[in-house]
Amino acid sequence: MSSYSDSKPPPKKRGRPKKVKEPEPAPAPAPEPAPAPEPKKKKAMGKLTEKQRAELKAHIEKHKKSGMSPSEVKSHRMSMMVRLRKGMSVKEAHRDIMKK
């Protein structure tokens, strides 16, 4: 018998334990791929319609007359344009801006 096993415990292992590999299951036969659904077309973003431009212009004129400063008007117009491009109406966009 060895005196080493009687007097000292075995040294501790350092580092993380090794990952035990599990046997990989046999790959199942791949089913035939279903036909890919047609991708949904997104609305063209970037340009306002003539109707949106007219409504926005009337909305901004109303704010100019109520005493909004030129910098506030510009900021409000830009915020409105972003929302109009996303498909909101002028009323919805204004309500969204004002609630913030």
N, C-alpha and C. Protein backbone atom coordinates (compact mmCIF):
# COMPACT_ATOMS: atom_id res chain seq x y z
N MET A 1 0.82 -1.18 0.00
CA MET A 1 0.00 0.00 0.00
C MET A 1 0.86 1.24 0.00
N SER A 2 0.31 2.21 -0.61
CA SER A 2 1.08 3.45 -0.70
C SER A 2 0.72 4.35 0.47
N SER A 3 1.69 4.98 1.01
CA SER A 3 1.46 5.87 2.14
C SER A 3 0.83 7.19 1.68
N TYR A 4 0.91 7.47 0.37
CA TYR A 4 0.37 8.73 -0.17
C TYR A 4 -1.14 8.77 0.01
N SER A 5 -1.84 7.68 -0.29
CA SER A 5 -3.30 7.66 -0.20
C SER A 5 -3.76 7.69 1.25
N ASP A 6 -2.92 7.27 2.18
CA ASP A 6 -3.33 7.26 3.58
C ASP A 6 -3.16 8.62 4.23
N SER A 7 -2.17 9.39 3.84
CA SER A 7 -1.89 10.62 4.57
C SER A 7 -2.52 11.87 3.96
N LYS A 8 -2.62 11.97 2.64
CA LYS A 8 -3.13 13.19 2.02
C LYS A 8 -4.33 12.87 1.12
N PRO A 9 -5.31 13.78 1.09
CA PRO A 9 -6.41 13.57 0.14
C PRO A 9 -5.91 13.85 -1.28
N PRO A 10 -6.54 13.32 -2.27
CA PRO A 10 -6.08 13.55 -3.65
C PRO A 10 -6.19 15.05 -3.99
N PRO A 11 -5.29 15.55 -4.82
CA PRO A 11 -5.34 16.98 -5.16
C PRO A 11 -6.63 17.32 -5.90
N LYS A 12 -7.14 18.56 -5.65
CA LYS A 12 -8.37 18.99 -6.28
C LYS A 12 -8.09 19.40 -7.72
N LYS A 13 -9.05 19.09 -8.59
CA LYS A 13 -8.90 19.50 -9.98
C LYS A 13 -9.31 20.96 -10.11
N ARG A 14 -8.62 21.67 -10.97
CA ARG A 14 -8.93 23.07 -11.19
C ARG A 14 -9.54 23.26 -12.57
N GLY A 15 -10.23 24.37 -12.75
CA GLY A 15 -10.84 24.65 -14.04
C GLY A 15 -12.25 24.10 -14.11
N ARG A 16 -12.89 24.33 -15.21
CA ARG A 16 -14.27 23.88 -15.33
C ARG A 16 -14.30 22.42 -15.77
N PRO A 17 -15.34 21.72 -15.36
CA PRO A 17 -15.43 20.30 -15.73
C PRO A 17 -15.66 20.15 -17.23
N LYS A 18 -15.18 19.04 -17.76
CA LYS A 18 -15.34 18.78 -19.18
C LYS A 18 -16.79 18.43 -19.47
N LYS A 19 -17.25 18.85 -20.65
CA LYS A 19 -18.61 18.58 -21.07
C LYS A 19 -18.67 17.14 -21.57
N VAL A 20 -19.67 16.43 -21.11
CA VAL A 20 -19.85 15.04 -21.52
C VAL A 20 -20.61 15.04 -22.83
N LYS A 21 -20.05 14.44 -23.83
CA LYS A 21 -20.71 14.40 -25.14
C LYS A 21 -21.75 13.29 -25.13
N GLU A 22 -22.96 13.68 -25.55
CA GLU A 22 -24.02 12.70 -25.67
C GLU A 22 -24.03 12.20 -27.10
N PRO A 23 -24.33 10.96 -27.29
CA PRO A 23 -24.37 10.47 -28.67
C PRO A 23 -25.48 11.19 -29.44
N GLU A 24 -25.14 11.62 -30.65
CA GLU A 24 -26.12 12.36 -31.45
C GLU A 24 -27.16 11.38 -31.99
N PRO A 25 -28.45 11.79 -31.91
CA PRO A 25 -29.48 10.91 -32.45
C PRO A 25 -29.37 10.89 -33.99
N ALA A 26 -29.82 9.82 -34.58
CA ALA A 26 -29.77 9.71 -36.03
C ALA A 26 -30.66 10.79 -36.63
N PRO A 27 -30.15 11.52 -37.63
CA PRO A 27 -30.97 12.60 -38.21
C PRO A 27 -32.21 12.04 -38.90
N ALA A 28 -33.34 12.66 -38.60
CA ALA A 28 -34.60 12.24 -39.21
C ALA A 28 -34.61 12.71 -40.66
N PRO A 29 -35.27 11.98 -41.52
CA PRO A 29 -35.33 12.43 -42.91
C PRO A 29 -36.03 13.78 -42.99
N ALA A 30 -35.42 14.69 -43.71
CA ALA A 30 -35.96 16.05 -43.80
C ALA A 30 -37.25 16.05 -44.62
N PRO A 31 -38.32 16.64 -44.06
CA PRO A 31 -39.56 16.72 -44.83
C PRO A 31 -39.38 17.72 -45.98
N GLU A 32 -40.18 17.58 -46.99
CA GLU A 32 -40.07 18.51 -48.11
C GLU A 32 -40.40 19.91 -47.64
N PRO A 33 -39.58 20.89 -48.01
CA PRO A 33 -39.86 22.25 -47.55
C PRO A 33 -41.15 22.78 -48.15
N ALA A 34 -41.93 23.44 -47.31
CA ALA A 34 -43.18 24.03 -47.78
C ALA A 34 -42.85 25.24 -48.65
N PRO A 35 -43.70 25.55 -49.60
CA PRO A 35 -43.40 26.72 -50.43
C PRO A 35 -43.34 27.98 -49.57
N ALA A 36 -42.34 28.80 -49.81
CA ALA A 36 -42.14 30.01 -49.01
C ALA A 36 -43.29 30.97 -49.23
N PRO A 37 -43.86 31.50 -48.14
CA PRO A 37 -44.94 32.48 -48.32
C PRO A 37 -44.37 33.75 -48.95
N GLU A 38 -45.20 34.40 -49.73
CA GLU A 38 -44.74 35.63 -50.37
C GLU A 38 -44.49 36.69 -49.31
N PRO A 39 -43.35 37.38 -49.38
CA PRO A 39 -43.08 38.41 -48.37
C PRO A 39 -44.08 39.55 -48.49
N LYS A 40 -44.48 40.04 -47.31
CA LYS A 40 -45.41 41.16 -47.30
C LYS A 40 -44.68 42.41 -47.72
N LYS A 41 -45.29 43.15 -48.59
CA LYS A 41 -44.66 44.38 -49.05
C LYS A 41 -44.96 45.49 -48.05
N LYS A 42 -43.92 46.20 -47.69
CA LYS A 42 -44.08 47.31 -46.77
C LYS A 42 -44.50 48.55 -47.55
N LYS A 43 -45.18 49.44 -46.86
CA LYS A 43 -45.54 50.69 -47.51
C LYS A 43 -44.28 51.48 -47.78
N ALA A 44 -44.28 52.17 -48.87
CA ALA A 44 -43.12 52.98 -49.21
C ALA A 44 -43.01 54.12 -48.20
N MET A 45 -41.89 54.13 -47.50
CA MET A 45 -41.68 55.20 -46.52
C MET A 45 -40.73 56.21 -47.13
N GLY A 46 -40.87 57.43 -46.74
CA GLY A 46 -39.92 58.43 -47.19
C GLY A 46 -40.58 59.64 -47.81
N LYS A 47 -41.70 59.43 -48.50
CA LYS A 47 -42.35 60.57 -49.13
C LYS A 47 -43.78 60.68 -48.63
N LEU A 48 -44.22 61.90 -48.47
CA LEU A 48 -45.60 62.16 -48.07
C LEU A 48 -46.45 62.31 -49.32
N THR A 49 -47.70 61.93 -49.18
CA THR A 49 -48.62 62.13 -50.29
C THR A 49 -49.00 63.60 -50.34
N GLU A 50 -49.60 64.01 -51.44
CA GLU A 50 -50.02 65.41 -51.57
C GLU A 50 -51.05 65.77 -50.50
N LYS A 51 -51.93 64.84 -50.20
CA LYS A 51 -52.95 65.08 -49.17
C LYS A 51 -52.29 65.30 -47.81
N GLN A 52 -51.30 64.45 -47.48
CA GLN A 52 -50.60 64.59 -46.20
C GLN A 52 -49.86 65.93 -46.13
N ARG A 53 -49.23 66.32 -47.23
CA ARG A 53 -48.52 67.60 -47.26
C ARG A 53 -49.47 68.76 -47.00
N ALA A 54 -50.62 68.72 -47.66
CA ALA A 54 -51.59 69.81 -47.49
C ALA A 54 -52.09 69.87 -46.05
N GLU A 55 -52.41 68.70 -45.48
CA GLU A 55 -52.88 68.67 -44.09
C GLU A 55 -51.81 69.15 -43.12
N LEU A 56 -50.56 68.75 -43.37
CA LEU A 56 -49.46 69.16 -42.50
C LEU A 56 -49.24 70.66 -42.59
N LYS A 57 -49.31 71.20 -43.81
CA LYS A 57 -49.11 72.63 -44.00
C LYS A 57 -50.18 73.43 -43.26
N ALA A 58 -51.44 73.00 -43.35
CA ALA A 58 -52.53 73.67 -42.65
C ALA A 58 -52.33 73.57 -41.14
N HIS A 59 -51.89 72.43 -40.68
CA HIS A 59 -51.66 72.21 -39.25
C HIS A 59 -50.56 73.14 -38.74
N ILE A 60 -49.48 73.25 -39.50
CA ILE A 60 -48.35 74.10 -39.09
C ILE A 60 -48.74 75.57 -39.13
N GLU A 61 -49.51 75.99 -40.14
CA GLU A 61 -49.97 77.38 -40.21
C GLU A 61 -50.80 77.74 -38.98
N LYS A 62 -51.63 76.81 -38.55
CA LYS A 62 -52.46 77.03 -37.36
C LYS A 62 -51.56 77.28 -36.14
N HIS A 63 -50.47 76.53 -36.03
CA HIS A 63 -49.56 76.71 -34.90
C HIS A 63 -48.76 78.01 -35.01
N LYS A 64 -48.41 78.40 -36.23
CA LYS A 64 -47.70 79.66 -36.41
C LYS A 64 -48.55 80.83 -35.94
N LYS A 65 -49.84 80.77 -36.29
CA LYS A 65 -50.76 81.85 -35.91
C LYS A 65 -51.00 81.88 -34.40
N SER A 66 -50.89 80.73 -33.75
CA SER A 66 -51.13 80.68 -32.31
C SER A 66 -49.93 81.17 -31.50
N GLY A 67 -48.80 81.48 -32.18
CA GLY A 67 -47.67 82.08 -31.49
C GLY A 67 -46.50 81.16 -31.23
N MET A 68 -46.40 80.07 -31.93
CA MET A 68 -45.26 79.17 -31.76
C MET A 68 -44.03 79.81 -32.40
N SER A 69 -42.89 79.68 -31.73
CA SER A 69 -41.65 80.26 -32.26
C SER A 69 -41.21 79.47 -33.50
N PRO A 70 -40.41 80.09 -34.38
CA PRO A 70 -39.97 79.38 -35.59
C PRO A 70 -39.22 78.08 -35.30
N SER A 71 -38.41 78.06 -34.26
CA SER A 71 -37.67 76.82 -33.94
C SER A 71 -38.63 75.74 -33.43
N GLU A 72 -39.65 76.13 -32.66
CA GLU A 72 -40.65 75.17 -32.20
C GLU A 72 -41.46 74.62 -33.37
N VAL A 73 -41.78 75.51 -34.32
CA VAL A 73 -42.54 75.10 -35.50
C VAL A 73 -41.74 74.07 -36.29
N LYS A 74 -40.45 74.34 -36.49
CA LYS A 74 -39.61 73.42 -37.26
C LYS A 74 -39.53 72.06 -36.56
N SER A 75 -39.32 72.09 -35.26
CA SER A 75 -39.21 70.84 -34.50
C SER A 75 -40.52 70.05 -34.58
N HIS A 76 -41.63 70.76 -34.44
CA HIS A 76 -42.94 70.12 -34.48
C HIS A 76 -43.19 69.52 -35.87
N ARG A 77 -42.82 70.27 -36.91
CA ARG A 77 -43.02 69.78 -38.28
C ARG A 77 -42.23 68.50 -38.51
N MET A 78 -40.97 68.49 -38.06
CA MET A 78 -40.13 67.30 -38.26
C MET A 78 -40.71 66.08 -37.53
N SER A 79 -41.16 66.30 -36.31
CA SER A 79 -41.76 65.20 -35.54
C SER A 79 -43.03 64.70 -36.23
N MET A 80 -43.81 65.61 -36.75
CA MET A 80 -45.05 65.25 -37.44
C MET A 80 -44.73 64.45 -38.70
N MET A 81 -43.73 64.89 -39.46
CA MET A 81 -43.39 64.22 -40.71
C MET A 81 -42.97 62.77 -40.48
N VAL A 82 -42.20 62.54 -39.43
CA VAL A 82 -41.76 61.18 -39.11
C VAL A 82 -42.98 60.29 -38.89
N ARG A 83 -43.93 60.79 -38.13
CA ARG A 83 -45.10 59.98 -37.81
C ARG A 83 -46.02 59.81 -39.03
N LEU A 84 -46.11 60.84 -39.85
CA LEU A 84 -46.94 60.73 -41.05
C LEU A 84 -46.36 59.69 -42.00
N ARG A 85 -45.04 59.60 -42.08
CA ARG A 85 -44.40 58.60 -42.93
C ARG A 85 -44.69 57.19 -42.44
N LYS A 86 -44.88 57.07 -41.12
CA LYS A 86 -45.19 55.76 -40.55
C LYS A 86 -46.64 55.37 -40.79
N GLY A 87 -47.44 56.30 -41.28
CA GLY A 87 -48.83 55.98 -41.60
C GLY A 87 -49.85 56.58 -40.65
N MET A 88 -49.43 57.41 -39.71
CA MET A 88 -50.39 58.03 -38.80
C MET A 88 -51.09 59.18 -39.51
N SER A 89 -52.27 59.53 -39.01
CA SER A 89 -52.96 60.71 -39.52
C SER A 89 -52.38 61.92 -38.80
N VAL A 90 -52.75 63.13 -39.27
CA VAL A 90 -52.23 64.35 -38.65
C VAL A 90 -52.71 64.44 -37.19
N LYS A 91 -53.98 64.07 -36.96
CA LYS A 91 -54.51 64.11 -35.58
C LYS A 91 -53.77 63.12 -34.67
N GLU A 92 -53.60 61.90 -35.17
CA GLU A 92 -52.91 60.88 -34.36
C GLU A 92 -51.48 61.30 -34.07
N ALA A 93 -50.80 61.83 -35.09
CA ALA A 93 -49.41 62.24 -34.92
C ALA A 93 -49.30 63.38 -33.90
N HIS A 94 -50.21 64.36 -34.01
CA HIS A 94 -50.17 65.50 -33.08
C HIS A 94 -50.45 65.03 -31.65
N ARG A 95 -51.42 64.14 -31.50
CA ARG A 95 -51.76 63.62 -30.17
C ARG A 95 -50.55 62.86 -29.58
N ASP A 96 -49.87 62.10 -30.41
CA ASP A 96 -48.71 61.33 -29.97
C ASP A 96 -47.58 62.25 -29.52
N ILE A 97 -47.36 63.33 -30.25
CA ILE A 97 -46.30 64.28 -29.90
C ILE A 97 -46.63 65.02 -28.62
N MET A 98 -47.86 65.45 -28.49
CA MET A 98 -48.26 66.26 -27.34
C MET A 98 -48.34 65.47 -26.04
N LYS A 99 -48.53 64.16 -26.11
CA LYS A 99 -48.61 63.39 -24.86
C LYS A 99 -47.25 63.14 -24.25
N LYS A 100 -46.17 63.35 -25.01
CA LYS A 100 -44.82 63.14 -24.49
C LYS A 100 -44.38 64.29 -23.64
